[in-house]
Protein backbone atom coordinates (compact mmCIF):
# COMPACT_ATOMS: atom_id res chain seq x y z
CA UNK A 1 -4.46 144.66 -39.12
CA UNK A 2 -4.13 144.18 -42.30
CA UNK A 3 -6.87 141.62 -43.39
CA UNK A 4 -5.84 139.19 -46.20
CA UNK A 5 -8.46 139.94 -48.86
CA UNK A 6 -8.86 137.24 -51.63
CA UNK A 7 -10.64 137.79 -55.28
CA UNK A 8 -14.43 136.86 -55.07
CA UNK A 9 -13.51 133.53 -57.03
CA UNK A 10 -10.50 132.49 -55.39
CA UNK A 11 -12.35 132.91 -52.09
CA UNK A 12 -15.17 130.87 -52.77
CA UNK A 13 -12.71 128.15 -54.01
CA UNK A 14 -10.58 128.28 -50.65
CA UNK A 15 -14.00 128.23 -48.55
CA UNK A 16 -15.00 124.83 -50.81
CA UNK A 17 -11.96 123.47 -49.71
CA UNK A 18 -12.14 124.38 -46.25
CA UNK A 19 -15.68 122.62 -46.34
CA UNK A 20 -14.22 119.14 -48.09
CA UNK A 21 -11.19 119.17 -45.35
CA UNK A 22 -13.35 119.55 -42.32
CA UNK A 23 -14.91 115.81 -42.32
CA UNK A 24 -11.76 114.19 -42.97
CA UNK A 25 -10.11 115.91 -40.18
CA UNK A 26 -13.29 114.96 -38.00
CA UNK A 27 -13.22 110.80 -38.91
CA UNK A 28 -9.80 110.33 -37.32
CA UNK A 29 -10.57 110.02 -34.08
CA UNK A 30 -13.57 107.73 -35.06
CA UNK A 31 -11.33 105.32 -36.90
CA UNK A 32 -8.95 105.38 -34.27
CA UNK A 33 -11.10 104.37 -31.99
CA UNK A 34 -12.62 101.23 -33.78
CA UNK A 35 -9.03 99.94 -34.49
CA UNK A 36 -8.13 100.20 -30.61
CA UNK A 37 -11.10 98.50 -29.87
CA UNK A 38 -10.58 95.75 -32.65
CA UNK A 39 -7.30 95.44 -31.47
CA UNK A 40 -7.85 95.38 -27.77
CA UNK A 41 -10.44 92.43 -28.61
CA UNK A 42 -8.01 90.72 -30.30
CA UNK A 43 -5.06 91.06 -27.49
CA UNK A 44 -7.93 89.96 -25.11
CA UNK A 45 -8.89 87.02 -27.06
CA UNK A 46 -4.80 86.00 -27.86
CA UNK A 47 -4.31 86.22 -24.16
CA UNK A 48 -7.60 84.35 -23.60
CA UNK A 49 -6.20 81.33 -25.80
CA UNK A 50 -2.94 81.88 -24.22
CA UNK A 51 -4.49 81.20 -20.84
CA UNK A 52 -6.49 78.35 -22.67
CA UNK A 53 -3.35 76.82 -23.68
CA UNK A 54 -1.59 77.19 -21.26
CA UNK A 55 -4.41 75.67 -18.59
CA UNK A 56 -4.54 72.82 -21.51
CA UNK A 57 -1.01 72.20 -21.34
CA UNK A 58 -0.41 72.26 -17.55
CA UNK A 59 -3.01 69.54 -17.88
CA UNK A 60 -1.33 67.76 -20.20
CA UNK A 61 1.78 67.74 -17.98
CA UNK A 62 0.15 67.10 -14.59
CA UNK A 63 -2.11 64.13 -16.38
CA UNK A 64 1.53 63.15 -17.54
CA UNK A 65 3.08 63.46 -14.30
CA UNK A 66 0.57 61.35 -12.49
CA UNK A 67 0.37 58.53 -15.08
CA UNK A 68 4.25 58.21 -14.98
CA UNK A 69 3.83 58.29 -11.27
CA UNK A 70 0.72 56.04 -11.67
CA UNK A 71 3.15 53.78 -13.81
CA UNK A 72 6.02 53.73 -11.68
CA UNK A 73 3.56 53.13 -8.72
CA UNK A 74 2.31 50.29 -10.79
CA UNK A 75 5.97 49.05 -11.88
CA UNK A 76 6.99 49.27 -8.20
CA UNK A 77 4.36 47.40 -6.91
CA UNK A 78 4.49 44.67 -9.53
CA UNK A 79 8.67 44.25 -8.69
CA UNK A 80 7.33 44.04 -4.47
CA UNK A 81 4.91 41.55 -5.02
CA UNK A 82 6.66 39.62 -7.58
CA UNK A 83 9.72 39.35 -4.88
CA UNK A 84 7.74 38.64 -2.34
CA UNK A 85 6.21 35.67 -4.33
CA UNK A 86 9.99 34.36 -4.86
CA UNK A 87 10.91 34.41 -1.15
CA UNK A 88 7.77 32.68 -0.64
CA UNK A 89 8.44 30.52 -2.99
CA UNK A 90 11.85 29.76 -1.53
CA UNK A 91 10.25 29.69 1.61
CA UNK A 92 7.91 27.05 0.82
CA UNK A 93 10.48 25.06 -0.98
CA UNK A 94 12.64 25.08 2.02
CA UNK A 95 9.88 24.07 3.94
CA UNK A 96 8.64 21.02 1.64
CA UNK A 97 12.32 19.96 1.36
CA UNK A 98 13.06 20.10 5.42
CA UNK A 99 9.39 18.29 5.63
CA UNK A 100 10.42 15.59 3.12
CA UNK A 101 13.73 15.08 5.13
CA UNK A 102 12.79 15.51 8.99
CA UNK A 103 8.70 14.97 9.00
CA UNK A 104 7.88 11.17 10.40
CA UNK A 105 4.94 10.33 8.26
CA UNK A 106 1.87 8.55 9.35
CA UNK A 107 2.63 5.12 7.66
CA UNK A 108 5.87 4.73 9.36
CA UNK A 109 4.37 3.23 12.62
CA UNK A 110 3.32 0.14 10.32
CA UNK A 111 6.89 0.02 9.47
CA UNK A 112 8.07 -2.25 12.75
CA UNK A 113 5.57 -4.54 11.62
CA UNK A 114 8.45 -5.45 8.86
CA UNK A 115 11.16 -5.16 11.32
CA UNK A 116 9.60 -7.98 13.80
CA UNK A 117 9.21 -9.98 10.41
CA UNK A 118 12.39 -11.91 11.81
CA UNK A 119 10.87 -12.87 14.91
CA UNK A 120 7.30 -14.48 14.09
CA UNK A 121 9.38 -16.40 11.44
CA UNK A 122 11.35 -17.44 13.92
CA UNK A 123 8.87 -18.11 16.54
CA UNK A 124 6.58 -20.03 13.96
CA UNK A 125 9.63 -22.31 13.21
CA UNK A 126 9.88 -23.22 17.24
CA UNK A 127 6.62 -23.98 16.82
CA UNK A 128 6.45 -26.64 14.60
CA UNK A 129 7.48 -29.07 16.61
CA UNK A 130 4.53 -29.15 18.89
CA UNK A 131 2.39 -30.25 15.79
CA UNK A 132 4.53 -33.56 15.69
CA UNK A 133 2.72 -36.31 17.02
CA UNK A 134 2.97 -35.51 21.06
CA UNK A 135 4.60 -33.05 20.37
CA UNK A 136 2.02 -30.95 23.24
CA UNK A 137 -0.20 -28.82 20.86
CA UNK A 138 -3.40 -28.46 23.15
CA UNK A 139 -6.29 -30.61 21.01
CA UNK A 140 -9.68 -29.99 22.63
CA UNK A 141 -11.74 -33.00 20.84
CA UNK A 142 -11.12 -35.86 22.05
CA UNK A 143 -11.43 -37.82 19.33
CA UNK A 144 -8.69 -36.03 17.65
CA UNK A 145 -6.47 -35.84 20.39
CA UNK A 146 -6.42 -39.75 20.76
CA UNK A 147 -5.86 -40.36 17.00
CA UNK A 148 -3.13 -37.84 16.55
CA UNK A 149 -1.16 -38.49 19.66
CA UNK A 150 -1.76 -42.34 20.31
CA UNK A 151 1.05 -44.32 19.51
CA UNK A 152 1.11 -46.47 16.18
CA UNK A 153 -1.78 -49.18 16.27
CA UNK A 154 -2.70 -51.89 13.92
CA UNK A 155 -4.10 -50.41 10.63
CA UNK A 156 -7.58 -52.02 10.75
CA UNK A 157 -7.65 -50.20 14.29
CA UNK A 158 -6.15 -46.55 12.91
CA UNK A 159 -8.94 -46.83 10.32
CA UNK A 160 -12.02 -47.61 12.62
CA UNK A 161 -10.59 -44.89 14.74
CA UNK A 162 -10.05 -42.63 11.59
CA UNK A 163 -14.37 -43.16 10.79
CA UNK A 164 -14.95 -42.35 14.19
CA UNK A 165 -13.59 -38.91 14.16
CA UNK A 166 -15.36 -38.73 10.56
CA UNK A 167 -18.44 -39.00 12.18
CA UNK A 168 -18.44 -35.16 12.91
CA UNK A 169 -17.09 -34.19 9.47
CA UNK A 170 -19.36 -36.37 7.24
CA UNK A 171 -20.24 -34.16 3.90
CA UNK A 172 -22.70 -34.55 1.65
CA UNK A 173 -21.01 -37.15 -0.76
CA UNK A 174 -20.19 -39.67 2.32
CA UNK A 175 -24.20 -38.36 3.09
CA UNK A 176 -25.12 -39.77 -0.40
CA UNK A 177 -23.36 -43.46 0.12
CA UNK A 178 -24.04 -43.85 3.79
CA UNK A 179 -26.35 -41.26 4.81
CA UNK A 180 -28.51 -42.38 8.29
CA UNK A 181 -25.90 -44.79 9.89
CA UNK A 182 -22.91 -44.33 12.38
CA UNK A 183 -20.59 -43.49 10.46
CA UNK A 184 -22.95 -40.68 8.55
CA UNK A 185 -25.46 -39.50 10.64
CA UNK A 186 -25.64 -36.09 9.25
CA UNK A 187 -24.03 -33.70 7.26
CA UNK A 188 -21.82 -31.36 9.18
CA UNK A 189 -22.80 -27.60 9.02
CA UNK A 190 -19.67 -26.37 10.43
CA UNK A 191 -16.97 -28.04 8.38
CA UNK A 192 -18.13 -30.99 6.28
CA UNK A 193 -15.37 -33.26 4.98
CA UNK A 194 -12.48 -30.98 7.10
CA UNK A 195 -10.39 -34.40 7.29
CA UNK A 196 -10.47 -35.02 4.53
CA UNK A 197 -9.78 -32.06 2.34
CA UNK A 198 -6.93 -30.04 1.41
CA UNK A 199 -8.85 -26.66 1.91
CA UNK A 200 -8.11 -27.33 5.62
CA UNK A 201 -4.08 -26.66 5.26
CA UNK A 202 -4.72 -23.63 2.65
CA UNK A 203 -8.30 -21.81 3.59
CA UNK A 204 -9.11 -23.39 7.34
CA UNK A 205 -11.81 -25.65 7.49
CA UNK A 206 -15.31 -24.76 7.65
CA UNK A 207 -18.97 -24.66 5.58
CA UNK A 208 -18.79 -24.55 2.08
CA UNK A 209 -17.79 -21.70 0.23
CA UNK A 210 -16.12 -19.91 2.68
CA UNK A 211 -13.97 -17.28 2.85
CA UNK A 212 -10.34 -17.83 3.12
CA UNK A 213 -8.91 -17.86 7.02
CA UNK A 214 -4.70 -17.16 7.35
CA UNK A 215 -5.37 -17.40 11.12
CA UNK A 216 -7.05 -20.40 12.39
CA UNK A 217 -9.30 -20.86 15.23
CA UNK A 218 -8.70 -23.61 17.89
CA UNK A 219 -11.17 -26.18 16.11
CA UNK A 220 -9.56 -25.48 12.65
CA UNK A 221 -6.25 -26.08 13.91
CA UNK A 222 -7.78 -29.34 15.30
CA UNK A 223 -9.03 -30.32 12.03
CA UNK A 224 -6.25 -29.98 9.86
CA UNK A 225 -4.34 -31.87 12.48
CA UNK A 226 -6.57 -35.11 11.73
CA UNK A 227 -6.20 -34.26 7.93
CA UNK A 228 -2.20 -34.88 8.47
CA UNK A 229 -2.85 -37.56 10.58
CA UNK A 230 -5.03 -39.11 7.58
CA UNK A 231 -2.79 -37.97 4.71
CA UNK A 232 0.55 -38.94 6.00
CA UNK A 233 0.67 -40.12 8.94
CA UNK A 234 -2.02 -43.14 8.71
CA UNK A 235 -1.05 -46.69 10.35
CA UNK A 236 1.54 -48.93 8.58
CA UNK A 237 1.81 -51.50 11.86
CA UNK A 238 1.31 -51.29 15.36
CA UNK A 239 3.92 -50.00 18.13
CA UNK A 240 5.59 -52.59 19.66
CA UNK A 241 5.95 -53.08 23.45
CA UNK A 242 8.85 -53.04 25.62
CA UNK A 243 9.73 -56.91 25.63
CA UNK A 244 8.79 -57.30 21.88
CA UNK A 245 11.49 -55.29 20.88
CA UNK A 246 14.01 -56.84 23.47
CA UNK A 247 13.85 -59.23 20.71
CA UNK A 248 15.91 -59.34 17.18
CA UNK A 249 12.81 -59.72 15.38
CA UNK A 250 11.75 -56.28 17.02
CA UNK A 251 14.99 -54.89 16.54
CA UNK A 252 14.75 -55.36 13.01
CA UNK A 253 10.86 -54.08 12.90
CA UNK A 254 11.64 -51.00 15.26
CA UNK A 255 14.54 -49.99 12.70
CA UNK A 256 11.97 -50.44 10.01
CA UNK A 257 9.67 -48.43 11.67
CA UNK A 258 12.19 -45.92 12.32
CA UNK A 259 13.18 -45.77 8.76
CA UNK A 260 9.66 -45.27 7.72
CA UNK A 261 9.21 -42.72 9.99
CA UNK A 262 12.36 -40.72 8.79
CA UNK A 263 10.37 -40.39 5.25
CA UNK A 264 6.93 -39.83 6.54
CA UNK A 265 8.79 -36.69 8.51
CA UNK A 266 9.99 -34.98 5.16
CA UNK A 267 6.45 -35.99 3.56
CA UNK A 268 4.26 -34.14 6.61
CA UNK A 269 6.77 -31.32 7.04
CA UNK A 270 5.12 -28.93 4.16
CA UNK A 271 1.82 -29.76 6.05
CA UNK A 272 2.99 -29.15 9.78
CA UNK A 273 4.88 -26.47 8.82
CA UNK A 274 0.96 -24.50 7.21
CA UNK A 275 -0.57 -25.21 9.96
CA UNK A 276 2.23 -24.07 12.20
CA UNK A 277 2.22 -20.93 9.94
CA UNK A 278 -1.75 -20.58 10.33
CA UNK A 279 -2.11 -20.83 14.29
CA UNK A 280 -1.92 -17.40 16.00
CA UNK A 281 1.51 -16.24 16.53
CA UNK A 282 2.00 -14.66 20.13
CA UNK A 283 4.67 -12.38 18.84
CA UNK A 284 2.48 -10.35 16.01
CA UNK A 285 0.31 -8.77 19.04
CA UNK A 286 3.07 -6.21 19.82
CA UNK A 287 3.52 -5.36 15.87
CA UNK A 288 -0.03 -5.33 15.20
CA UNK A 289 -0.84 -2.66 18.02
CA UNK A 290 2.08 -0.37 15.89
CA UNK A 291 1.34 -1.13 12.74
CA UNK A 292 -2.55 -0.11 13.19
CA UNK A 293 -2.03 3.42 14.26
CA UNK A 294 -1.07 4.02 10.28
CA UNK A 295 -4.62 4.78 8.88
CA UNK A 296 -4.12 3.30 5.70
CA UNK A 297 -2.73 -0.39 7.68
CA UNK A 298 -6.11 -0.21 9.96
CA UNK A 299 -8.04 0.59 6.91
CA UNK A 300 -6.91 -2.70 5.72
CA UNK A 301 -6.17 -4.76 8.40
CA UNK A 302 -10.43 -4.15 8.72
CA UNK A 303 -10.96 -5.20 5.38
CA UNK A 304 -9.30 -8.58 5.61
CA UNK A 305 -8.21 -9.70 8.63
CA UNK A 306 -9.70 -13.13 9.87
CA UNK A 307 -12.01 -13.32 12.71
CA UNK A 308 -9.34 -14.82 15.02
CA UNK A 309 -7.60 -11.89 14.30
CA UNK A 310 -10.05 -9.39 14.76
CA UNK A 311 -11.22 -10.74 17.91
CA UNK A 312 -7.51 -10.74 19.28
CA UNK A 313 -5.31 -8.75 17.58
CA UNK A 314 -3.02 -11.51 17.09
CA UNK A 315 -2.01 -13.01 13.74
CA UNK A 316 -0.59 -16.08 12.07
CA UNK A 317 2.43 -15.67 10.55
CA UNK A 318 1.25 -16.51 7.18
CA UNK A 319 -1.45 -13.96 7.45
CA UNK A 320 0.99 -11.58 9.02
CA UNK A 321 3.31 -11.81 5.86
CA UNK A 322 0.02 -11.48 3.75
CA UNK A 323 -0.84 -8.36 5.60
CA UNK A 324 2.57 -6.68 5.04
CA UNK A 325 2.16 -7.62 1.35
CA UNK A 326 -1.29 -6.79 1.07
CA UNK A 327 -1.39 -3.46 2.61
CA UNK A 328 1.14 -1.76 0.16
CA UNK A 329 -0.32 -4.05 -3.19
CA UNK A 330 -4.04 -4.64 -2.02
CA UNK A 331 -4.81 -1.51 -0.24
CA UNK A 332 -6.25 2.16 -1.69
CA UNK A 333 -5.93 3.93 1.40
CA UNK A 334 -1.92 3.00 0.59
CA UNK A 335 -1.99 5.55 -2.09
CA UNK A 336 -3.00 8.37 -0.09
CA UNK A 337 0.34 7.71 2.01
CA UNK A 338 2.46 7.88 -1.49
CA UNK A 339 0.51 10.96 -2.44
CA UNK A 340 1.93 12.43 0.55
CA UNK A 341 5.82 11.16 -0.08
CA UNK A 342 8.27 12.68 -1.98
CA UNK A 343 12.20 13.15 -2.01
CA UNK A 344 13.76 10.79 0.46
CA UNK A 345 10.85 9.43 2.24
CA UNK A 346 9.70 8.00 -1.58
CA UNK A 347 12.98 6.85 -1.41
CA UNK A 348 12.95 5.39 1.66
CA UNK A 349 9.61 3.90 0.94
CA UNK A 350 11.13 2.20 -2.48
CA UNK A 351 13.80 0.69 -0.75
CA UNK A 352 11.08 -1.11 2.25
CA UNK A 353 9.25 -2.17 -0.98
CA UNK A 354 12.61 -3.80 -2.23
CA UNK A 355 13.25 -5.03 0.69
CA UNK A 356 10.11 -6.63 1.11
CA UNK A 357 10.27 -8.36 -1.96
CA UNK A 358 13.51 -9.95 -1.14
CA UNK A 359 12.64 -11.37 2.23
CA UNK A 360 9.58 -12.62 -0.12
CA UNK A 361 12.35 -14.83 -2.18
CA UNK A 362 14.70 -15.86 0.13
CA UNK A 363 11.22 -17.50 1.90
CA UNK A 364 10.78 -18.95 -1.55
CA UNK A 365 13.90 -20.12 -1.49
CA UNK A 366 13.32 -21.66 1.88
CA UNK A 367 10.86 -23.50 0.45
CA UNK A 368 12.31 -24.67 -2.83
CA UNK A 369 14.87 -26.36 -0.36
CA UNK A 370 12.27 -28.38 1.11
CA UNK A 371 10.38 -29.46 -1.78
CA UNK A 372 13.77 -30.49 -3.10
CA UNK A 373 14.59 -32.34 0.18
CA UNK A 374 11.39 -34.36 -0.33
CA UNK A 375 11.36 -35.12 -4.06
CA UNK A 376 15.17 -36.56 -3.42
CA UNK A 377 13.67 -39.15 -0.91
CA UNK A 378 10.80 -39.46 -3.43
CA UNK A 379 13.62 -40.51 -6.03
CA UNK A 380 15.45 -42.16 -3.29
CA UNK A 381 12.21 -44.73 -2.68
CA UNK A 382 11.73 -45.18 -6.16
CA UNK A 383 15.66 -46.24 -6.70
CA UNK A 384 15.18 -48.58 -3.81
CA UNK A 385 12.27 -50.10 -5.41
CA UNK A 386 14.33 -50.62 -8.43
CA UNK A 387 16.90 -51.95 -7.40
CA UNK A 388 15.92 -53.85 -4.19
CA UNK A 389 14.66 -57.17 -6.29
CA UNK A 390 17.83 -56.19 -8.32
CA UNK A 391 20.13 -56.31 -5.96
CA UNK A 392 18.40 -59.22 -3.50
CA UNK A 393 19.33 -61.63 -7.03
CA UNK A 394 22.53 -61.16 -7.42
CA UNK A 395 23.16 -61.14 -3.24
CA UNK A 396 21.23 -64.85 -3.93
CA UNK A 397 23.60 -65.35 -6.92
CA UNK A 398 27.09 -64.18 -5.02
CA UNK A 399 26.19 -66.09 -1.80
CA UNK A 400 25.33 -69.56 -4.15
CA UNK A 401 28.88 -69.36 -5.65
CA UNK A 402 30.97 -68.52 -1.93
CA UNK A 403 28.65 -71.73 -0.85
CA UNK A 404 25.98 -70.14 1.16
CA UNK A 405 22.19 -70.42 0.11
């Protein structure tokens, strides 16, 4: 084997080159490992970042899905609640409509009282005949019964009888004038002036300053009858006996008394009707029994009823009418009845009130007619007073020309 031989200078140069090239070849593996490590770390970091990003996006997506589900559930719940609310509202509306149409209000019990008003008025009209002279009205006071129910007596006898009755009704004015005498031994504490005061017709006889009574007690009725006797039916002349009435003059006397009584009947009619309308009316008992089942009507009855009505549950026609009006207008408890009404029930109540007004107007019309009748008789009396002497004078002149007186 032949060996290559280099010159010394060339051999040294080659050795130097080899020495210089060895470190370079030895460094390649070190550089590759570092790069690989760096790349591996980078890949790991990138993969971790991808994992974190994936997890983040997954969580975001999950959150979005959950939120969407919540919104959807909320919307669905709201829609369901609205549907249930609308259903409940419709059900309540129908229930209220049915209640207004078909439910009977507690105040309906008092309406039966209005339905009996005509019956009460008819009974009161029929009772009026009993308060006339010897009409049959019961009078417990003997002195008043004698004055009211006795036939006509001379004026002086009638005046003495009125004085005898007035002893029990003496008032402060009488006592100041002739107190201590037989005509006024003492001032009446129960009914002063009852036989001479028109209050006996309006509010009922009683002590000074008393509250009005629209249903009279028996004593108040008798005091009112005595007032009518003194004011309207006091004696003008005595009643004839049978033998006296058979004479010609007696017949004329009877005719004059009859004509007088015809006028006095009209004059006393309003006062007598007032007494009857203030007398307990039996037809009101059942009507009140039904009406007082209404809480508002019962409350008003307790508040304003007269002592006689409270004790017996029987009212006069006048108090019954006032009760019917007052329990709507002057009764605060009635406002509760109105608050509970609506729809057709409220319309019915409005119709009832209008009907009540019509009834009251009809009664007012009847009272105006009575007043017109009395006014006509007053006018007739005035005309007679004016024309009687003129006609008498003319009749004498005509009789003289005809050969008479």
